[in-house]
Amino acid sequence: MTGTITHVQLDRGVGSIRGADGRIYSFRRSDVRDCWLHDLSEGAAVTFEARTGARALEATAVRLDRPPR
């Protein structure tokens, strides 16, 4: 799924994404792939895998959506 970073808390290692479906997904530092958490900023386009967690919607395998070279 594609989405946009809406919030990143570097000190806590968490953030949130608004998915293409309009829902908000939370993610942790360990869910970020192919880049570092500090590479993510509000408004950045990302791709991710969505899942339903115990308390909220979660994003895993979060990657920056970079144009092909």
PDB file of N, CA and C in Angstrom:
ATOM      1  N   MET A   1       0.857  -1.170   0.000  1.00  0.00           N
ATOM      2  CA  MET A   1       0.000   0.000   0.000  1.00  0.00           C
ATOM      3  C   MET A   1       0.901   1.231   0.000  1.00  0.00           C
ATOM      4  N   THR A   2       0.382   2.322  -0.506  1.00  0.00           N
ATOM      5  CA  THR A   2       1.119   3.581  -0.478  1.00  0.00           C
ATOM      6  C   THR A   2       0.513   4.492   0.583  1.00  0.00           C
ATOM      7  N   GLY A   3       1.294   5.469   1.002  1.00  0.00           N
ATOM      8  CA  GLY A   3       0.808   6.408   1.997  1.00  0.00           C
ATOM      9  C   GLY A   3       1.767   7.565   2.178  1.00  0.00           C
ATOM     10  N   THR A   4       1.444   8.414   3.154  1.00  0.00           N
ATOM     11  CA  THR A   4       2.239   9.601   3.455  1.00  0.00           C
ATOM     12  C   THR A   4       2.513   9.647   4.952  1.00  0.00           C
ATOM     13  N   ILE A   5       3.751   9.933   5.318  1.00  0.00           N
ATOM     14  CA  ILE A   5       4.115  10.069   6.725  1.00  0.00           C
ATOM     15  C   ILE A   5       3.380  11.282   7.300  1.00  0.00           C
ATOM     16  N   THR A   6       2.659  11.086   8.399  1.00  0.00           N
ATOM     17  CA  THR A   6       1.962  12.199   9.037  1.00  0.00           C
ATOM     18  C   THR A   6       2.659  12.654  10.310  1.00  0.00           C
ATOM     19  N   HIS A   7       3.470  11.767  10.897  1.00  0.00           N
ATOM     20  CA  HIS A   7       4.110  12.105  12.163  1.00  0.00           C
ATOM     21  C   HIS A   7       5.278  11.152  12.400  1.00  0.00           C
ATOM     22  N   VAL A   8       6.398  11.694  12.893  1.00  0.00           N
ATOM     23  CA  VAL A   8       7.543  10.869  13.282  1.00  0.00           C
ATOM     24  C   VAL A   8       8.071  11.400  14.601  1.00  0.00           C
ATOM     25  N   GLN A   9       8.240  10.521  15.577  1.00  0.00           N
ATOM     26  CA  GLN A   9       8.858  10.871  16.857  1.00  0.00           C
ATOM     27  C   GLN A   9      10.179  10.133  16.940  1.00  0.00           C
ATOM     28  N   LEU A  10      11.254  10.806  16.556  1.00  0.00           N
ATOM     29  CA  LEU A  10      12.561  10.170  16.507  1.00  0.00           C
ATOM     30  C   LEU A  10      13.014   9.671  17.871  1.00  0.00           C
ATOM     31  N   ASP A  11      12.757  10.441  18.923  1.00  0.00           N
ATOM     32  CA  ASP A  11      13.218  10.047  20.256  1.00  0.00           C
ATOM     33  C   ASP A  11      12.519   8.796  20.773  1.00  0.00           C
ATOM     34  N   ARG A  12      11.296   8.547  20.346  1.00  0.00           N
ATOM     35  CA  ARG A  12      10.555   7.356  20.772  1.00  0.00           C
ATOM     36  C   ARG A  12      10.627   6.237  19.744  1.00  0.00           C
ATOM     37  N   GLY A  13      11.071   6.556  18.525  1.00  0.00           N
ATOM     38  CA  GLY A  13      11.194   5.551  17.484  1.00  0.00           C
ATOM     39  C   GLY A  13       9.868   5.077  16.925  1.00  0.00           C
ATOM     40  N   VAL A  14       8.898   5.990  16.834  1.00  0.00           N
ATOM     41  CA  VAL A  14       7.569   5.645  16.320  1.00  0.00           C
ATOM     42  C   VAL A  14       7.104   6.707  15.334  1.00  0.00           C
ATOM     43  N   GLY A  15       6.063   6.367  14.593  1.00  0.00           N
ATOM     44  CA  GLY A  15       5.484   7.317  13.669  1.00  0.00           C
ATOM     45  C   GLY A  15       4.134   6.841  13.178  1.00  0.00           C
ATOM     46  N   SER A  16       3.533   7.641  12.298  1.00  0.00           N
ATOM     47  CA  SER A  16       2.234   7.267  11.736  1.00  0.00           C
ATOM     48  C   SER A  16       2.195   7.619  10.255  1.00  0.00           C
ATOM     49  N   ILE A  17       1.359   6.877   9.551  1.00  0.00           N
ATOM     50  CA  ILE A  17       1.207   7.012   8.106  1.00  0.00           C
ATOM     51  C   ILE A  17      -0.277   7.103   7.785  1.00  0.00           C
ATOM     52  N   ARG A  18      -0.646   8.009   6.877  1.00  0.00           N
ATOM     53  CA  ARG A  18      -2.004   8.015   6.333  1.00  0.00           C
ATOM     54  C   ARG A  18      -1.941   7.220   5.043  1.00  0.00           C
ATOM     55  N   GLY A  19      -2.615   6.075   5.054  1.00  0.00           N
ATOM     56  CA  GLY A  19      -2.617   5.195   3.894  1.00  0.00           C
ATOM     57  C   GLY A  19      -3.482   5.735   2.773  1.00  0.00           C
ATOM     58  N   ALA A  20      -3.335   5.149   1.592  1.00  0.00           N
ATOM     59  CA  ALA A  20      -4.131   5.539   0.435  1.00  0.00           C
ATOM     60  C   ALA A  20      -5.621   5.314   0.690  1.00  0.00           C
ATOM     61  N   ASP A  21      -5.940   4.460   1.664  1.00  0.00           N
ATOM     62  CA  ASP A  21      -7.341   4.201   2.016  1.00  0.00           C
ATOM     63  C   ASP A  21      -7.894   5.215   3.011  1.00  0.00           C
ATOM     64  N   GLY A  22      -7.064   6.214   3.416  1.00  0.00           N
ATOM     65  CA  GLY A  22      -7.497   7.257   4.335  1.00  0.00           C
ATOM     66  C   GLY A  22      -7.342   6.906   5.809  1.00  0.00           C
ATOM     67  N   ARG A  23      -6.927   5.692   6.108  1.00  0.00           N
ATOM     68  CA  ARG A  23      -6.755   5.272   7.497  1.00  0.00           C
ATOM     69  C   ARG A  23      -5.352   5.605   8.001  1.00  0.00           C
ATOM     70  N   ILE A  24      -5.232   5.710   9.322  1.00  0.00           N
ATOM     71  CA  ILE A  24      -3.943   5.999   9.956  1.00  0.00           C
ATOM     72  C   ILE A  24      -3.337   4.699  10.468  1.00  0.00           C
ATOM     73  N   TYR A  25      -2.074   4.463  10.120  1.00  0.00           N
ATOM     74  CA  TYR A  25      -1.335   3.272  10.532  1.00  0.00           C
ATOM     75  C   TYR A  25      -0.135   3.701  11.358  1.00  0.00           C
ATOM     76  N   SER A  26       0.135   3.001  12.431  1.00  0.00           N
ATOM     77  CA  SER A  26       1.304   3.306  13.253  1.00  0.00           C
ATOM     78  C   SER A  26       2.447   2.370  12.873  1.00  0.00           C
ATOM     79  N   PHE A  27       3.669   2.837  13.087  1.00  0.00           N
ATOM     80  CA  PHE A  27       4.839   1.991  12.840  1.00  0.00           C
ATOM     81  C   PHE A  27       5.916   2.278  13.865  1.00  0.00           C
ATOM     82  N   ARG A  28       6.832   1.325  13.995  1.00  0.00           N
ATOM     83  CA  ARG A  28       7.972   1.447  14.896  1.00  0.00           C
ATOM     84  C   ARG A  28       9.260   1.430  14.081  1.00  0.00           C
ATOM     85  N   ARG A  29      10.320   1.846  14.719  1.00  0.00           N
ATOM     86  CA  ARG A  29      11.636   1.880  14.075  1.00  0.00           C
ATOM     87  C   ARG A  29      11.975   0.535  13.427  1.00  0.00           C
ATOM     88  N   SER A  30      11.627  -0.548  14.086  1.00  0.00           N
ATOM     89  CA  SER A  30      11.957  -1.885  13.568  1.00  0.00           C
ATOM     90  C   SER A  30      11.160  -2.238  12.305  1.00  0.00           C
ATOM     91  N   ASP A  31      10.132  -1.460  11.974  1.00  0.00           N
ATOM     92  CA  ASP A  31       9.324  -1.702  10.770  1.00  0.00           C
ATOM     93  C   ASP A  31       9.885  -1.010   9.527  1.00  0.00           C
ATOM     94  N   VAL A  32      10.885  -0.157   9.702  1.00  0.00           N
ATOM     95  CA  VAL A  32      11.450   0.620   8.587  1.00  0.00           C
ATOM     96  C   VAL A  32      12.475  -0.238   7.842  1.00  0.00           C
ATOM     97  N   ARG A  33      12.373  -0.266   6.522  1.00  0.00           N
ATOM     98  CA  ARG A  33      13.265  -1.045   5.674  1.00  0.00           C
ATOM     99  C   ARG A  33      13.969  -0.133   4.670  1.00  0.00           C
ATOM    100  N   ASP A  34      15.195  -0.494   4.317  1.00  0.00           N
ATOM    101  CA  ASP A  34      15.970   0.160   3.255  1.00  0.00           C
ATOM    102  C   ASP A  34      16.296   1.628   3.510  1.00  0.00           C
ATOM    103  N   CYS A  35      16.086   2.115   4.718  1.00  0.00           N
ATOM    104  CA  CYS A  35      16.485   3.469   5.104  1.00  0.00           C
ATOM    105  C   CYS A  35      16.467   3.533   6.633  1.00  0.00           C
ATOM    106  N   TRP A  36      16.825   4.662   7.170  1.00  0.00           N
ATOM    107  CA  TRP A  36      16.819   4.862   8.621  1.00  0.00           C
ATOM    108  C   TRP A  36      15.586   5.657   9.019  1.00  0.00           C
ATOM    109  N   LEU A  37      15.175   5.541  10.266  1.00  0.00           N
ATOM    110  CA  LEU A  37      14.014   6.283  10.756  1.00  0.00           C
ATOM    111  C   LEU A  37      14.202   7.780  10.539  1.00  0.00           C
ATOM    112  N   HIS A  38      15.419   8.297  10.772  1.00  0.00           N
ATOM    113  CA  HIS A  38      15.633   9.737  10.616  1.00  0.00           C
ATOM    114  C   HIS A  38      15.579  10.188   9.154  1.00  0.00           C
ATOM    115  N   ASP A  39      15.535   9.253   8.192  1.00  0.00           N
ATOM    116  CA  ASP A  39      15.348   9.607   6.780  1.00  0.00           C
ATOM    117  C   ASP A  39      13.885   9.926   6.469  1.00  0.00           C
ATOM    118  N   LEU A  40      12.978   9.522   7.362  1.00  0.00           N
ATOM    119  CA  LEU A  40      11.547   9.756   7.163  1.00  0.00           C
ATOM    120  C   LEU A  40      11.149  11.098   7.763  1.00  0.00           C
ATOM    121  N   SER A  41      10.349  11.847   7.038  1.00  0.00           N
ATOM    122  CA  SER A  41       9.869  13.130   7.548  1.00  0.00           C
ATOM    123  C   SER A  41       8.397  13.286   7.160  1.00  0.00           C
ATOM    124  N   GLU A  42       7.720  14.184   7.836  1.00  0.00           N
ATOM    125  CA  GLU A  42       6.305  14.418   7.552  1.00  0.00           C
ATOM    126  C   GLU A  42       6.133  14.810   6.082  1.00  0.00           C
ATOM    127  N   GLY A  43       5.168  14.191   5.433  1.00  0.00           N
ATOM    128  CA  GLY A  43       4.892  14.463   4.034  1.00  0.00           C
ATOM    129  C   GLY A  43       5.601  13.531   3.063  1.00  0.00           C
ATOM    130  N   ALA A  44       6.538  12.712   3.563  1.00  0.00           N
ATOM    131  CA  ALA A  44       7.267  11.795   2.684  1.00  0.00           C
ATOM    132  C   ALA A  44       6.343  10.676   2.199  1.00  0.00           C
ATOM    133  N   ALA A  45       6.463  10.343   0.931  1.00  0.00           N
ATOM    134  CA  ALA A  45       5.684   9.237   0.352  1.00  0.00           C
ATOM    135  C   ALA A  45       6.369   7.921   0.697  1.00  0.00           C
ATOM    136  N   VAL A  46       5.592   6.943   1.123  1.00  0.00           N
ATOM    137  CA  VAL A  46       6.125   5.637   1.496  1.00  0.00           C
ATOM    138  C   VAL A  46       5.246   4.519   0.941  1.00  0.00           C
ATOM    139  N   THR A  47       5.810   3.323   0.918  1.00  0.00           N
ATOM    140  CA  THR A  47       5.039   2.110   0.676  1.00  0.00           C
ATOM    141  C   THR A  47       5.154   1.274   1.937  1.00  0.00           C
ATOM    142  N   PHE A  48       4.149   0.455   2.212  1.00  0.00           N
ATOM    143  CA  PHE A  48       4.163  -0.364   3.418  1.00  0.00           C
ATOM    144  C   PHE A  48       3.161  -1.499   3.296  1.00  0.00           C
ATOM    145  N   GLU A  49       3.278  -2.447   4.210  1.00  0.00           N
ATOM    146  CA  GLU A  49       2.321  -3.536   4.316  1.00  0.00           C
ATOM    147  C   GLU A  49       1.428  -3.244   5.517  1.00  0.00           C
ATOM    148  N   ALA A  50       0.131  -3.311   5.313  1.00  0.00           N
ATOM    149  CA  ALA A  50      -0.834  -2.995   6.372  1.00  0.00           C
ATOM    150  C   ALA A  50      -1.264  -4.266   7.089  1.00  0.00           C
ATOM    151  N   ARG A  51      -1.460  -4.136   8.415  1.00  0.00           N
ATOM    152  CA  ARG A  51      -2.011  -5.236   9.203  1.00  0.00           C
ATOM    153  C   ARG A  51      -2.781  -4.673  10.384  1.00  0.00           C
ATOM    154  N   THR A  52      -3.646  -5.492  10.937  1.00  0.00           N
ATOM    155  CA  THR A  52      -4.403  -5.099  12.121  1.00  0.00           C
ATOM    156  C   THR A  52      -3.683  -5.642  13.342  1.00  0.00           C
ATOM    157  N   GLY A  53      -3.239  -4.732  14.213  1.00  0.00           N
ATOM    158  CA  GLY A  53      -2.549  -5.137  15.432  1.00  0.00           C
ATOM    159  C   GLY A  53      -3.535  -5.338  16.568  1.00  0.00           C
ATOM    160  N   ALA A  54      -3.002  -5.571  17.741  1.00  0.00           N
ATOM    161  CA  ALA A  54      -3.830  -5.811  18.923  1.00  0.00           C
ATOM    162  C   ALA A  54      -4.688  -4.597  19.285  1.00  0.00           C
ATOM    163  N   ARG A  55      -4.136  -3.377  19.098  1.00  0.00           N
ATOM    164  CA  ARG A  55      -4.869  -2.178  19.493  1.00  0.00           C
ATOM    165  C   ARG A  55      -5.099  -1.181  18.371  1.00  0.00           C
ATOM    166  N   ALA A  56      -4.387  -1.324  17.268  1.00  0.00           N
ATOM    167  CA  ALA A  56      -4.496  -0.321  16.201  1.00  0.00           C
ATOM    168  C   ALA A  56      -4.077  -0.927  14.872  1.00  0.00           C
ATOM    169  N   LEU A  57      -4.271  -0.152  13.815  1.00  0.00           N
ATOM    170  CA  LEU A  57      -3.773  -0.548  12.503  1.00  0.00           C
ATOM    171  C   LEU A  57      -2.269  -0.306  12.491  1.00  0.00           C
ATOM    172  N   GLU A  58      -1.513  -1.236  11.925  1.00  0.00           N
ATOM    173  CA  GLU A  58      -0.063  -1.135  11.929  1.00  0.00           C
ATOM    174  C   GLU A  58       0.490  -1.212  10.526  1.00  0.00           C
ATOM    175  N   ALA A  59       1.623  -0.548  10.333  1.00  0.00           N
ATOM    176  CA  ALA A  59       2.349  -0.594   9.071  1.00  0.00           C
ATOM    177  C   ALA A  59       3.645  -1.358   9.309  1.00  0.00           C
ATOM    178  N   THR A  60       3.937  -2.298   8.442  1.00  0.00           N
ATOM    179  CA  THR A  60       5.210  -3.015   8.500  1.00  0.00           C
ATOM    180  C   THR A  60       5.906  -2.854   7.151  1.00  0.00           C
ATOM    181  N   ALA A  61       7.175  -3.166   7.115  1.00  0.00           N
ATOM    182  CA  ALA A  61       7.970  -3.055   5.887  1.00  0.00           C
ATOM    183  C   ALA A  61       7.816  -1.670   5.253  1.00  0.00           C
ATOM    184  N   VAL A  62       7.990  -0.626   6.064  1.00  0.00           N
ATOM    185  CA  VAL A  62       7.854   0.760   5.600  1.00  0.00           C
ATOM    186  C   VAL A  62       9.101   1.137   4.793  1.00  0.00           C
ATOM    187  N   ARG A  63       8.863   1.601   3.566  1.00  0.00           N
ATOM    188  CA  ARG A  63       9.959   2.009   2.681  1.00  0.00           C
ATOM    189  C   ARG A  63       9.634   3.352   2.037  1.00  0.00           C
ATOM    190  N   LEU A  64      10.672   4.193   1.890  1.00  0.00           N
ATOM    191  CA  LEU A  64      10.489   5.441   1.152  1.00  0.00           C
ATOM    192  C   LEU A  64      10.115   5.098  -0.277  1.00  0.00           C
ATOM    193  N   ASP A  65       9.167   5.806  -0.841  1.00  0.00           N
ATOM    194  CA  ASP A  65       8.726   5.589  -2.210  1.00  0.00           C
ATOM    195  C   ASP A  65       9.592   6.471  -3.106  1.00  0.00           C
ATOM    196  N   ARG A  66      10.676   5.900  -3.578  1.00  0.00           N
ATOM    197  CA  ARG A  66      11.626   6.661  -4.398  1.00  0.00           C
ATOM    198  C   ARG A  66      11.369   6.381  -5.872  1.00  0.00           C
ATOM    199  N   PRO A  67      11.490   7.409  -6.697  1.00  0.00           N
ATOM    200  CA  PRO A  67      11.302   7.173  -8.131  1.00  0.00           C
ATOM    201  C   PRO A  67      12.442   6.289  -8.669  1.00  0.00           C
ATOM    202  N   PRO A  68      12.165   5.468  -9.679  1.00  0.00           N
ATOM    203  CA  PRO A  68      13.210   4.615 -10.249  1.00  0.00           C
ATOM    204  C   PRO A  68      14.331   5.447 -10.846  1.00  0.00           C
ATOM    205  N   ARG A  69      15.542   4.910 -10.798  1.00  0.00           N
ATOM    206  CA  ARG A  69      16.713   5.643 -11.318  1.00  0.00           C
ATOM    207  C   ARG A  69      16.903   5.379 -12.778  1.00  0.00           C
TER     208      ARG A  69
END
